[in-house]
């Protein structure tokens, strides 16, 4: 997989502290199905958001949903595409997306 600007899981997003950014980037590593009682991914996201809110110290936040989704979607797409060995059709099937939608998202994040 090549791109002009590879995804950097250690880069902080505006409005998100570096630790929370790294924690959310855990999605780019070792994504696997989990039994209902074993949810390390959910726990990592919850812990990251808790730290994020603590860091805000009462300040207002807007567009949190969009910010979190942007942080999570890029490493998810990169990991699935890598797992599919660059096969976009297979990656789209794994994600439950139309191949055209996947390509649009990959371009948006500079992954193709």
N, C-alpha and C. Protein backbone atom coordinates (compact mmCIF):
# COMPACT_ATOMS: atom_id res chain seq x y z
N UNK A 1 0.85 -1.16 0.00
CA UNK A 1 0.00 0.00 0.00
C UNK A 1 0.89 1.22 0.00
N UNK A 2 0.69 2.12 -0.94
CA UNK A 2 1.47 3.33 -1.01
C UNK A 2 0.55 4.53 -1.00
N UNK A 3 1.06 5.62 -0.47
CA UNK A 3 0.33 6.87 -0.50
C UNK A 3 1.33 8.00 -0.35
N UNK A 4 0.94 9.18 -0.75
CA UNK A 4 1.83 10.31 -0.64
C UNK A 4 2.03 10.72 0.82
N UNK A 5 1.02 10.53 1.66
CA UNK A 5 1.13 10.83 3.07
C UNK A 5 0.58 9.66 3.87
N UNK A 6 1.45 8.75 4.32
CA UNK A 6 0.95 7.59 5.06
C UNK A 6 0.33 8.01 6.38
N UNK A 7 -0.61 7.20 6.83
CA UNK A 7 -1.28 7.45 8.11
C UNK A 7 -0.26 7.33 9.23
N UNK A 8 -0.23 8.30 10.11
CA UNK A 8 0.66 8.28 11.26
C UNK A 8 -0.17 8.15 12.52
N UNK A 9 -0.21 6.93 13.12
CA UNK A 9 -1.04 6.73 14.30
C UNK A 9 -0.57 7.51 15.51
N UNK A 10 0.67 8.03 15.48
CA UNK A 10 1.18 8.78 16.62
C UNK A 10 0.95 10.28 16.49
N UNK A 11 0.41 10.72 15.36
CA UNK A 11 0.15 12.14 15.17
C UNK A 11 -1.17 12.52 15.84
N UNK A 12 -1.14 13.57 16.63
CA UNK A 12 -2.35 14.01 17.32
C UNK A 12 -3.22 14.81 16.36
N UNK A 13 -4.52 14.66 16.51
CA UNK A 13 -5.46 15.46 15.74
C UNK A 13 -5.72 16.76 16.48
N UNK A 14 -6.06 17.83 15.74
CA UNK A 14 -6.43 19.07 16.43
C UNK A 14 -7.59 18.81 17.38
N UNK A 15 -7.47 19.29 18.60
CA UNK A 15 -8.53 19.13 19.59
C UNK A 15 -8.46 17.81 20.35
N UNK A 16 -7.50 16.96 20.03
CA UNK A 16 -7.38 15.67 20.70
C UNK A 16 -5.96 15.55 21.20
N UNK A 17 -5.78 15.30 22.50
CA UNK A 17 -4.41 15.23 23.00
C UNK A 17 -3.69 14.01 22.44
N UNK A 18 -2.38 14.03 22.51
CA UNK A 18 -1.56 13.00 21.88
C UNK A 18 -1.88 11.61 22.44
N UNK A 19 -2.07 11.49 23.75
CA UNK A 19 -2.36 10.18 24.33
C UNK A 19 -3.69 9.64 23.82
N UNK A 20 -4.71 10.47 23.79
CA UNK A 20 -6.01 10.03 23.28
C UNK A 20 -5.91 9.66 21.81
N UNK A 21 -5.13 10.42 21.06
CA UNK A 21 -4.94 10.12 19.64
C UNK A 21 -4.27 8.76 19.47
N UNK A 22 -3.23 8.49 20.27
CA UNK A 22 -2.55 7.19 20.18
C UNK A 22 -3.48 6.06 20.61
N UNK A 23 -4.27 6.31 21.65
CA UNK A 23 -5.18 5.27 22.11
C UNK A 23 -6.22 4.92 21.06
N UNK A 24 -6.78 5.94 20.42
CA UNK A 24 -7.77 5.67 19.39
C UNK A 24 -7.13 4.99 18.19
N UNK A 25 -5.86 5.25 17.94
CA UNK A 25 -5.16 4.64 16.81
C UNK A 25 -4.92 3.15 17.04
N UNK A 26 -5.26 2.64 18.23
CA UNK A 26 -5.12 1.21 18.48
C UNK A 26 -5.91 0.39 17.46
N UNK A 27 -6.88 1.02 16.84
CA UNK A 27 -7.66 0.34 15.80
C UNK A 27 -6.79 -0.12 14.65
N UNK A 28 -5.66 0.56 14.45
CA UNK A 28 -4.81 0.19 13.32
C UNK A 28 -3.98 -1.04 13.61
N UNK A 29 -4.05 -1.54 14.82
CA UNK A 29 -3.24 -2.70 15.20
C UNK A 29 -4.13 -3.83 15.71
N UNK A 30 -3.97 -4.98 15.15
CA UNK A 30 -4.56 -6.20 15.69
C UNK A 30 -6.07 -6.23 15.78
N UNK A 31 -6.77 -5.66 14.84
CA UNK A 31 -8.23 -5.73 14.88
C UNK A 31 -8.64 -7.19 14.73
N UNK A 32 -9.44 -7.67 15.66
CA UNK A 32 -9.89 -9.06 15.62
C UNK A 32 -11.28 -9.15 16.23
N UNK A 33 -12.05 -10.15 15.82
CA UNK A 33 -13.36 -10.33 16.46
C UNK A 33 -13.18 -10.65 17.94
N UNK A 34 -14.03 -10.11 18.77
CA UNK A 34 -13.95 -10.36 20.20
C UNK A 34 -15.24 -10.98 20.69
N UNK A 35 -15.12 -11.94 21.62
CA UNK A 35 -16.34 -12.45 22.24
C UNK A 35 -17.02 -11.32 23.00
N UNK A 36 -18.33 -11.43 23.24
CA UNK A 36 -19.06 -10.34 23.89
C UNK A 36 -18.47 -9.90 25.23
N UNK A 37 -17.83 -10.81 25.98
CA UNK A 37 -17.30 -10.43 27.28
C UNK A 37 -15.85 -9.96 27.21
N UNK A 38 -15.26 -9.90 26.02
CA UNK A 38 -13.88 -9.47 25.84
C UNK A 38 -13.87 -8.35 24.81
N UNK A 39 -13.89 -7.12 25.25
CA UNK A 39 -14.01 -5.98 24.34
C UNK A 39 -12.88 -4.98 24.55
N UNK A 40 -11.65 -5.37 24.24
CA UNK A 40 -10.53 -4.45 24.46
C UNK A 40 -10.62 -3.19 23.61
N UNK A 41 -11.16 -3.31 22.42
CA UNK A 41 -11.28 -2.15 21.55
C UNK A 41 -12.25 -1.13 22.15
N UNK A 42 -13.40 -1.60 22.57
CA UNK A 42 -14.39 -0.70 23.20
C UNK A 42 -13.80 -0.06 24.45
N UNK A 43 -13.11 -0.86 25.26
CA UNK A 43 -12.52 -0.34 26.48
C UNK A 43 -11.46 0.71 26.18
N UNK A 44 -10.66 0.49 25.13
CA UNK A 44 -9.64 1.47 24.75
C UNK A 44 -10.27 2.78 24.30
N UNK A 45 -11.34 2.69 23.54
CA UNK A 45 -12.02 3.91 23.07
C UNK A 45 -12.64 4.63 24.26
N UNK A 46 -13.31 3.89 25.15
CA UNK A 46 -13.92 4.52 26.32
C UNK A 46 -12.87 5.19 27.19
N UNK A 47 -11.73 4.52 27.41
CA UNK A 47 -10.66 5.11 28.22
C UNK A 47 -10.10 6.36 27.55
N UNK A 48 -9.95 6.32 26.24
CA UNK A 48 -9.44 7.48 25.51
C UNK A 48 -10.39 8.67 25.64
N UNK A 49 -11.67 8.40 25.50
CA UNK A 49 -12.65 9.48 25.61
C UNK A 49 -12.72 10.03 27.03
N UNK A 50 -12.58 9.16 28.01
CA UNK A 50 -12.56 9.62 29.41
C UNK A 50 -11.39 10.57 29.63
N UNK A 51 -10.19 10.18 29.14
CA UNK A 51 -9.02 11.05 29.26
C UNK A 51 -9.23 12.36 28.50
N UNK A 52 -9.85 12.26 27.34
CA UNK A 52 -10.11 13.46 26.53
C UNK A 52 -11.01 14.44 27.30
N UNK A 53 -12.10 13.92 27.89
CA UNK A 53 -13.00 14.79 28.64
C UNK A 53 -12.32 15.35 29.89
N UNK A 54 -11.49 14.54 30.55
CA UNK A 54 -10.74 15.03 31.70
C UNK A 54 -9.81 16.17 31.28
N UNK A 55 -9.19 16.01 30.12
CA UNK A 55 -8.27 17.02 29.60
C UNK A 55 -9.00 18.32 29.27
N UNK A 56 -10.26 18.23 28.85
CA UNK A 56 -11.04 19.43 28.53
C UNK A 56 -11.30 20.28 29.76
N UNK A 57 -11.37 19.63 30.91
CA UNK A 57 -11.57 20.32 32.18
C UNK A 57 -12.75 21.30 32.13
N UNK A 58 -13.88 20.81 31.62
CA UNK A 58 -15.10 21.61 31.59
C UNK A 58 -15.28 22.47 30.35
N UNK A 59 -14.29 22.53 29.48
CA UNK A 59 -14.42 23.32 28.25
C UNK A 59 -15.45 22.67 27.33
N UNK A 60 -16.07 23.50 26.51
CA UNK A 60 -17.04 22.99 25.54
C UNK A 60 -16.33 22.28 24.40
N UNK A 61 -17.00 21.30 23.84
CA UNK A 61 -16.48 20.59 22.68
C UNK A 61 -17.59 20.52 21.64
N UNK A 62 -17.22 20.64 20.38
CA UNK A 62 -18.19 20.50 19.29
C UNK A 62 -17.64 19.53 18.27
N UNK A 63 -18.51 18.95 17.51
CA UNK A 63 -18.14 18.01 16.44
C UNK A 63 -17.33 16.81 16.94
N UNK A 64 -17.60 16.37 18.15
CA UNK A 64 -16.87 15.24 18.71
C UNK A 64 -17.07 13.98 17.88
N UNK A 65 -18.29 13.74 17.43
CA UNK A 65 -18.56 12.54 16.64
C UNK A 65 -17.70 12.53 15.37
N UNK A 66 -17.69 13.64 14.65
CA UNK A 66 -16.90 13.71 13.42
C UNK A 66 -15.42 13.54 13.70
N UNK A 67 -14.94 14.14 14.79
CA UNK A 67 -13.53 14.04 15.14
C UNK A 67 -13.14 12.59 15.44
N UNK A 68 -13.94 11.92 16.24
CA UNK A 68 -13.64 10.53 16.60
C UNK A 68 -13.73 9.63 15.37
N UNK A 69 -14.75 9.82 14.57
CA UNK A 69 -14.90 8.97 13.38
C UNK A 69 -13.73 9.17 12.41
N UNK A 70 -13.28 10.40 12.25
CA UNK A 70 -12.13 10.65 11.37
C UNK A 70 -10.88 9.97 11.91
N UNK A 71 -10.72 9.97 13.22
CA UNK A 71 -9.55 9.35 13.85
C UNK A 71 -9.60 7.83 13.72
N UNK A 72 -10.77 7.26 13.80
CA UNK A 72 -10.93 5.81 13.78
C UNK A 72 -10.98 5.25 12.36
N UNK A 73 -11.61 5.96 11.46
CA UNK A 73 -11.85 5.42 10.12
C UNK A 73 -10.57 5.20 9.33
N UNK A 74 -9.64 6.13 9.38
CA UNK A 74 -8.41 6.01 8.58
C UNK A 74 -7.61 4.75 8.94
N UNK A 75 -7.31 4.50 10.23
CA UNK A 75 -6.56 3.28 10.53
C UNK A 75 -7.36 2.01 10.28
N UNK A 76 -8.68 2.08 10.42
CA UNK A 76 -9.52 0.92 10.12
C UNK A 76 -9.38 0.56 8.65
N UNK A 77 -9.53 1.55 7.78
CA UNK A 77 -9.42 1.30 6.34
C UNK A 77 -8.02 0.80 5.98
N UNK A 78 -7.00 1.42 6.55
CA UNK A 78 -5.62 1.01 6.25
C UNK A 78 -5.37 -0.43 6.68
N UNK A 79 -5.83 -0.79 7.86
CA UNK A 79 -5.61 -2.15 8.37
C UNK A 79 -6.35 -3.20 7.55
N UNK A 80 -7.60 -2.91 7.22
CA UNK A 80 -8.38 -3.87 6.44
C UNK A 80 -7.79 -4.02 5.05
N UNK A 81 -7.38 -2.93 4.43
CA UNK A 81 -6.78 -3.01 3.11
C UNK A 81 -5.47 -3.80 3.15
N UNK A 82 -4.69 -3.60 4.19
CA UNK A 82 -3.46 -4.37 4.35
C UNK A 82 -3.78 -5.86 4.54
N UNK A 83 -4.77 -6.15 5.38
CA UNK A 83 -5.17 -7.54 5.61
C UNK A 83 -5.65 -8.20 4.32
N UNK A 84 -6.31 -7.41 3.48
CA UNK A 84 -6.81 -7.92 2.20
C UNK A 84 -5.72 -7.88 1.12
N UNK A 85 -4.49 -7.60 1.53
CA UNK A 85 -3.33 -7.56 0.64
C UNK A 85 -3.56 -6.61 -0.54
N UNK A 86 -4.18 -5.47 -0.25
CA UNK A 86 -4.41 -4.46 -1.26
C UNK A 86 -5.61 -4.70 -2.15
N UNK A 87 -6.30 -5.81 -1.97
CA UNK A 87 -7.46 -6.13 -2.79
C UNK A 87 -8.67 -5.32 -2.30
N UNK A 88 -9.01 -4.28 -3.06
CA UNK A 88 -10.07 -3.37 -2.63
C UNK A 88 -11.44 -4.04 -2.62
N UNK A 89 -11.68 -4.94 -3.54
CA UNK A 89 -12.97 -5.64 -3.56
C UNK A 89 -13.13 -6.46 -2.30
N UNK A 90 -12.09 -7.18 -1.92
CA UNK A 90 -12.14 -8.00 -0.70
C UNK A 90 -12.26 -7.10 0.54
N UNK A 91 -11.51 -6.01 0.57
CA UNK A 91 -11.57 -5.09 1.70
C UNK A 91 -12.98 -4.50 1.83
N UNK A 92 -13.58 -4.13 0.71
CA UNK A 92 -14.94 -3.58 0.74
C UNK A 92 -15.92 -4.61 1.29
N UNK A 93 -15.77 -5.86 0.88
CA UNK A 93 -16.65 -6.92 1.40
C UNK A 93 -16.48 -7.08 2.90
N UNK A 94 -15.22 -7.07 3.36
CA UNK A 94 -14.95 -7.21 4.79
C UNK A 94 -15.60 -6.09 5.60
N UNK A 95 -15.60 -4.89 5.03
CA UNK A 95 -16.15 -3.73 5.72
C UNK A 95 -17.65 -3.56 5.54
N UNK A 96 -18.22 -4.32 4.60
CA UNK A 96 -19.64 -4.18 4.31
C UNK A 96 -19.93 -2.91 3.53
N UNK A 97 -18.96 -2.49 2.73
CA UNK A 97 -19.10 -1.28 1.92
C UNK A 97 -19.13 -1.62 0.44
N UNK A 98 -19.70 -0.74 -0.34
CA UNK A 98 -19.60 -0.81 -1.78
C UNK A 98 -18.16 -0.46 -2.15
N UNK A 99 -17.60 -1.10 -3.17
CA UNK A 99 -16.21 -0.85 -3.55
C UNK A 99 -15.98 0.62 -3.90
N UNK A 100 -16.95 1.24 -4.57
CA UNK A 100 -16.83 2.66 -4.91
C UNK A 100 -16.76 3.54 -3.67
N UNK A 101 -17.56 3.21 -2.67
CA UNK A 101 -17.53 3.96 -1.41
C UNK A 101 -16.18 3.79 -0.73
N UNK A 102 -15.67 2.56 -0.74
CA UNK A 102 -14.35 2.32 -0.14
C UNK A 102 -13.29 3.16 -0.85
N UNK A 103 -13.29 3.15 -2.18
CA UNK A 103 -12.30 3.92 -2.94
C UNK A 103 -12.39 5.41 -2.60
N UNK A 104 -13.59 5.92 -2.47
CA UNK A 104 -13.78 7.33 -2.12
C UNK A 104 -13.16 7.63 -0.75
N UNK A 105 -13.39 6.75 0.20
CA UNK A 105 -12.84 6.93 1.54
C UNK A 105 -11.32 6.79 1.53
N UNK A 106 -10.80 5.83 0.79
CA UNK A 106 -9.35 5.65 0.70
C UNK A 106 -8.69 6.89 0.12
N UNK A 107 -9.29 7.46 -0.90
CA UNK A 107 -8.76 8.69 -1.50
C UNK A 107 -8.83 9.85 -0.51
N UNK A 108 -9.94 9.93 0.22
CA UNK A 108 -10.12 11.02 1.20
C UNK A 108 -8.99 11.02 2.23
N UNK A 109 -8.57 9.84 2.67
CA UNK A 109 -7.53 9.73 3.68
C UNK A 109 -6.13 9.59 3.08
N UNK A 110 -6.02 9.69 1.77
CA UNK A 110 -4.71 9.59 1.12
C UNK A 110 -4.11 8.20 1.19
N UNK A 111 -4.96 7.19 1.23
CA UNK A 111 -4.48 5.81 1.34
C UNK A 111 -4.29 5.16 -0.03
N UNK A 112 -4.74 5.81 -1.08
CA UNK A 112 -4.46 5.34 -2.45
C UNK A 112 -4.09 6.54 -3.31
